[in-house]
C-alpha cells in the first residue's frame, strides 16, 4: 500500500518539510492548518472566528482535492494559542461540520506558527 501526497494551490503551501496531506489505505491525514489565505500567504483575520473560518476553508480545499468531504472527517486535533478563545472557536468550528461530529481534542499551546490563534489537523476516512 503506497502513500499518496495530496497538494492543492487552493490551500496554503506547506511552510516546512511536510505535505498538506497524505492518503493511504482509504484514510486522509491532513496536516495542521492555520488561517493563512492561500492567495497571498498571509494571515489576514485578526479574530479567532475569522482565523477559524479560514482554517476550515483550507481543510475543505485539501479534502476536496483528495475526493473527500467534511462529512468524511472522523478526528480533529485543535490547538488554540489562548484557551479563553475556546467558546468563540467552538461556535465557528461547529458551523463547518454536522452530526455525527468527529472525535476531537482541543488544547491550548504556547505559540503557533506565524502568530496564528488556531491550528486544526484532521483525519478523514473514505466511506
C-alpha atoms as a PDB file:
ATOM      1  CA  UNK A   1       0.000   0.000   0.000  1.00  0.00           C
ATOM      2  CA  UNK A   2       1.659   3.209  -1.174  1.00  0.00           C
ATOM      3  CA  UNK A   3       1.051   6.584   0.357  1.00  0.00           C
ATOM      4  CA  UNK A   4      -0.028   9.414  -1.922  1.00  0.00           C
ATOM      5  CA  UNK A   5       0.836  13.064  -1.374  1.00  0.00           C
ATOM      6  CA  UNK A   6      -2.139  15.418  -1.696  1.00  0.00           C
ATOM      7  CA  UNK A   7      -1.446  19.020  -2.655  1.00  0.00           C
ATOM      8  CA  UNK A   8      -3.578  21.914  -3.866  1.00  0.00           C
ATOM      9  CA  UNK A   9      -2.992  25.597  -4.546  1.00  0.00           C
ATOM     10  CA  UNK A  10      -6.444  26.236  -3.038  1.00  0.00           C
ATOM     11  CA  UNK A  11      -4.855  25.844   0.416  1.00  0.00           C
ATOM     12  CA  UNK A  12      -1.629  27.320   1.793  1.00  0.00           C
ATOM     13  CA  UNK A  13       1.604  25.689   0.693  1.00  0.00           C
ATOM     14  CA  UNK A  14       3.495  23.829   3.399  1.00  0.00           C
ATOM     15  CA  UNK A  15       5.819  26.152   5.321  1.00  0.00           C
ATOM     16  CA  UNK A  16       8.177  23.349   6.305  1.00  0.00           C
ATOM     17  CA  UNK A  17       9.232  19.806   5.431  1.00  0.00           C
ATOM     18  CA  UNK A  18       5.765  18.272   5.367  1.00  0.00           C
ATOM     19  CA  UNK A  19       2.877  17.594   2.967  1.00  0.00           C
ATOM     20  CA  UNK A  20      -0.535  19.261   3.037  1.00  0.00           C
ATOM     21  CA  UNK A  21      -1.978  15.758   3.341  1.00  0.00           C
ATOM     22  CA  UNK A  22      -1.131  12.092   2.910  1.00  0.00           C
ATOM     23  CA  UNK A  23      -3.611   9.467   1.760  1.00  0.00           C
ATOM     24  CA  UNK A  24      -3.098   5.782   2.472  1.00  0.00           C
ATOM     25  CA  UNK A  25      -5.497   2.871   2.795  1.00  0.00           C
ATOM     26  CA  UNK A  26      -8.650   4.950   2.351  1.00  0.00           C
ATOM     27  CA  UNK A  27      -7.577   7.398   5.041  1.00  0.00           C
ATOM     28  CA  UNK A  28      -6.524  11.016   4.625  1.00  0.00           C
ATOM     29  CA  UNK A  29      -4.228  12.683   7.153  1.00  0.00           C
ATOM     30  CA  UNK A  30      -4.363  16.481   6.775  1.00  0.00           C
ATOM     31  CA  UNK A  31      -1.517  18.465   8.303  1.00  0.00           C
ATOM     32  CA  UNK A  32      -2.349  21.211  10.761  1.00  0.00           C
ATOM     33  CA  UNK A  33      -3.844  24.239   9.044  1.00  0.00           C
ATOM     34  CA  UNK A  34      -3.625  27.806  10.271  1.00  0.00           C
ATOM     35  CA  UNK A  35      -5.639  30.742   8.964  1.00  0.00           C
ATOM     36  CA  UNK A  36      -3.401  31.575   6.002  1.00  0.00           C
ATOM     37  CA  UNK A  37      -5.088  32.938   2.900  1.00  0.00           C
ATOM     38  CA  UNK A  38      -3.634  30.750   0.119  1.00  0.00           C
ATOM     39  CA  UNK A  39      -3.729  33.572  -2.435  1.00  0.00           C
ATOM     40  CA  UNK A  40      -1.236  35.774  -0.581  1.00  0.00           C
ATOM     41  CA  UNK A  41       0.302  33.521   2.087  1.00  0.00           C
ATOM     42  CA  UNK A  42      -0.780  35.817   4.922  1.00  0.00           C
ATOM     43  CA  UNK A  43      -2.988  35.519   7.972  1.00  0.00           C
ATOM     44  CA  UNK A  44      -5.468  38.294   7.296  1.00  0.00           C
ATOM     45  CA  UNK A  45      -8.080  37.720  10.017  1.00  0.00           C
ATOM     46  CA  UNK A  46      -7.287  39.147  13.441  1.00  0.00           C
ATOM     47  CA  UNK A  47     -10.044  37.317  15.351  1.00  0.00           C
ATOM     48  CA  UNK A  48     -10.383  33.684  16.370  1.00  0.00           C
ATOM     49  CA  UNK A  49     -13.626  33.473  14.385  1.00  0.00           C
ATOM     50  CA  UNK A  50     -12.031  34.802  11.187  1.00  0.00           C
ATOM     51  CA  UNK A  51      -8.961  32.603  11.504  1.00  0.00           C
ATOM     52  CA  UNK A  52     -11.079  29.535  12.261  1.00  0.00           C
ATOM     53  CA  UNK A  53     -13.216  30.219   9.193  1.00  0.00           C
ATOM     54  CA  UNK A  54     -10.077  30.369   7.005  1.00  0.00           C
ATOM     55  CA  UNK A  55      -8.670  27.213   8.624  1.00  0.00           C
ATOM     56  CA  UNK A  56     -11.851  25.317   7.805  1.00  0.00           C
ATOM     57  CA  UNK A  57     -11.833  26.618   4.207  1.00  0.00           C
ATOM     58  CA  UNK A  58      -8.237  25.399   3.860  1.00  0.00           C
ATOM     59  CA  UNK A  59      -9.142  21.979   5.234  1.00  0.00           C
ATOM     60  CA  UNK A  60     -12.149  21.739   2.904  1.00  0.00           C
ATOM     61  CA  UNK A  61      -9.926  22.577  -0.107  1.00  0.00           C
ATOM     62  CA  UNK A  62      -7.433  19.830   0.777  1.00  0.00           C
ATOM     63  CA  UNK A  63     -10.200  17.300   1.386  1.00  0.00           C
ATOM     64  CA  UNK A  64     -11.799  18.211  -1.937  1.00  0.00           C
ATOM     65  CA  UNK A  65      -8.532  17.791  -3.809  1.00  0.00           C
ATOM     66  CA  UNK A  66      -8.365  14.224  -2.493  1.00  0.00           C
ATOM     67  CA  UNK A  67     -12.047  13.479  -3.191  1.00  0.00           C
ATOM     68  CA  UNK A  68     -13.216  13.706   0.423  1.00  0.00           C
ATOM     69  CA  UNK A  69     -15.818  15.927   2.082  1.00  0.00           C
ATOM     70  CA  UNK A  70     -16.128  17.490   5.513  1.00  0.00           C
ATOM     71  CA  UNK A  71     -18.511  14.664   6.476  1.00  0.00           C
ATOM     72  CA  UNK A  72     -15.641  12.195   5.970  1.00  0.00           C
ATOM     73  CA  UNK A  73     -13.691  13.709   8.889  1.00  0.00           C
ATOM     74  CA  UNK A  74     -13.513  11.279  11.809  1.00  0.00           C
ATOM     75  CA  UNK A  75     -10.948  13.004  14.063  1.00  0.00           C
ATOM     76  CA  UNK A  76      -9.651  16.528  14.662  1.00  0.00           C
ATOM     77  CA  UNK A  77      -6.922  17.984  16.839  1.00  0.00           C
ATOM     78  CA  UNK A  78      -7.415  21.667  17.574  1.00  0.00           C
ATOM     79  CA  UNK A  79      -4.777  23.943  19.058  1.00  0.00           C
ATOM     80  CA  UNK A  80      -5.547  27.385  20.448  1.00  0.00           C
ATOM     81  CA  UNK A  81      -2.950  29.965  21.391  1.00  0.00           C
ATOM     82  CA  UNK A  82      -5.314  31.155  24.153  1.00  0.00           C
ATOM     83  CA  UNK A  83      -7.850  28.834  25.783  1.00  0.00           C
ATOM     84  CA  UNK A  84     -10.078  31.831  26.521  1.00  0.00           C
ATOM     85  CA  UNK A  85     -10.931  31.710  22.786  1.00  0.00           C
ATOM     86  CA  UNK A  86     -12.476  28.239  23.213  1.00  0.00           C
ATOM     87  CA  UNK A  87     -16.155  29.271  23.087  1.00  0.00           C
ATOM     88  CA  UNK A  88     -15.739  31.546  20.048  1.00  0.00           C
ATOM     89  CA  UNK A  89     -13.612  28.914  18.279  1.00  0.00           C
ATOM     90  CA  UNK A  90     -16.149  26.198  19.069  1.00  0.00           C
ATOM     91  CA  UNK A  91     -19.022  28.233  17.632  1.00  0.00           C
ATOM     92  CA  UNK A  92     -17.233  28.923  14.321  1.00  0.00           C
ATOM     93  CA  UNK A  93     -15.823  25.370  14.085  1.00  0.00           C
ATOM     94  CA  UNK A  94     -19.327  23.952  14.541  1.00  0.00           C
ATOM     95  CA  UNK A  95     -20.641  25.898  11.537  1.00  0.00           C
ATOM     96  CA  UNK A  96     -18.445  23.813   9.210  1.00  0.00           C
ATOM     97  CA  UNK A  97     -19.316  20.315  10.465  1.00  0.00           C
ATOM     98  CA  UNK A  98     -22.508  18.383  11.026  1.00  0.00           C
ATOM     99  CA  UNK A  99     -23.631  15.458  13.162  1.00  0.00           C
ATOM    100  CA  UNK A 100     -22.335  12.957  13.748  1.00  0.00           C
ATOM    101  CA  UNK A 101     -19.406  15.185  14.687  1.00  0.00           C
ATOM    102  CA  UNK A 102     -15.823  13.906  14.548  1.00  0.00           C
ATOM    103  CA  UNK A 103     -13.952  12.894  17.668  1.00  0.00           C
ATOM    104  CA  UNK A 104     -11.862  15.852  18.826  1.00  0.00           C
ATOM    105  CA  UNK A 105      -9.147  17.086  21.125  1.00  0.00           C
ATOM    106  CA  UNK A 106      -8.752  20.792  21.829  1.00  0.00           C
ATOM    107  CA  UNK A 107      -5.939  22.245  23.850  1.00  0.00           C
ATOM    108  CA  UNK A 108      -4.013  25.430  24.452  1.00  0.00           C
ATOM    109  CA  UNK A 109      -0.440  25.728  23.252  1.00  0.00           C
ATOM    110  CA  UNK A 110       2.206  28.340  23.967  1.00  0.00           C
ATOM    111  CA  UNK A 111       2.562  29.593  20.386  1.00  0.00           C
ATOM    112  CA  UNK A 112       1.541  28.708  16.845  1.00  0.00           C
ATOM    113  CA  UNK A 113       3.351  29.383  13.541  1.00  0.00           C
ATOM    114  CA  UNK A 114       3.119  32.930  12.195  1.00  0.00           C
ATOM    115  CA  UNK A 115       1.404  34.086  15.390  1.00  0.00           C
ATOM    116  CA  UNK A 116      -1.794  32.200  14.497  1.00  0.00           C
ATOM    117  CA  UNK A 117      -4.596  31.973  17.040  1.00  0.00           C
ATOM    118  CA  UNK A 118      -5.720  28.476  15.964  1.00  0.00           C
ATOM    119  CA  UNK A 119      -4.446  25.378  14.154  1.00  0.00           C
ATOM    120  CA  UNK A 120      -6.550  22.338  13.212  1.00  0.00           C
ATOM    121  CA  UNK A 121      -5.471  18.977  11.818  1.00  0.00           C
ATOM    122  CA  UNK A 122      -7.887  16.300  10.648  1.00  0.00           C
ATOM    123  CA  UNK A 123      -8.132  12.659   9.719  1.00  0.00           C
ATOM    124  CA  UNK A 124     -10.766  11.612   7.193  1.00  0.00           C
ATOM    125  CA  UNK A 125     -11.890   8.151   6.110  1.00  0.00           C
ATOM    126  CA  UNK A 126     -13.330   7.331   2.705  1.00  0.00           C
ATOM    127  CA  UNK A 127     -16.808   5.852   3.107  1.00  0.00           C
END
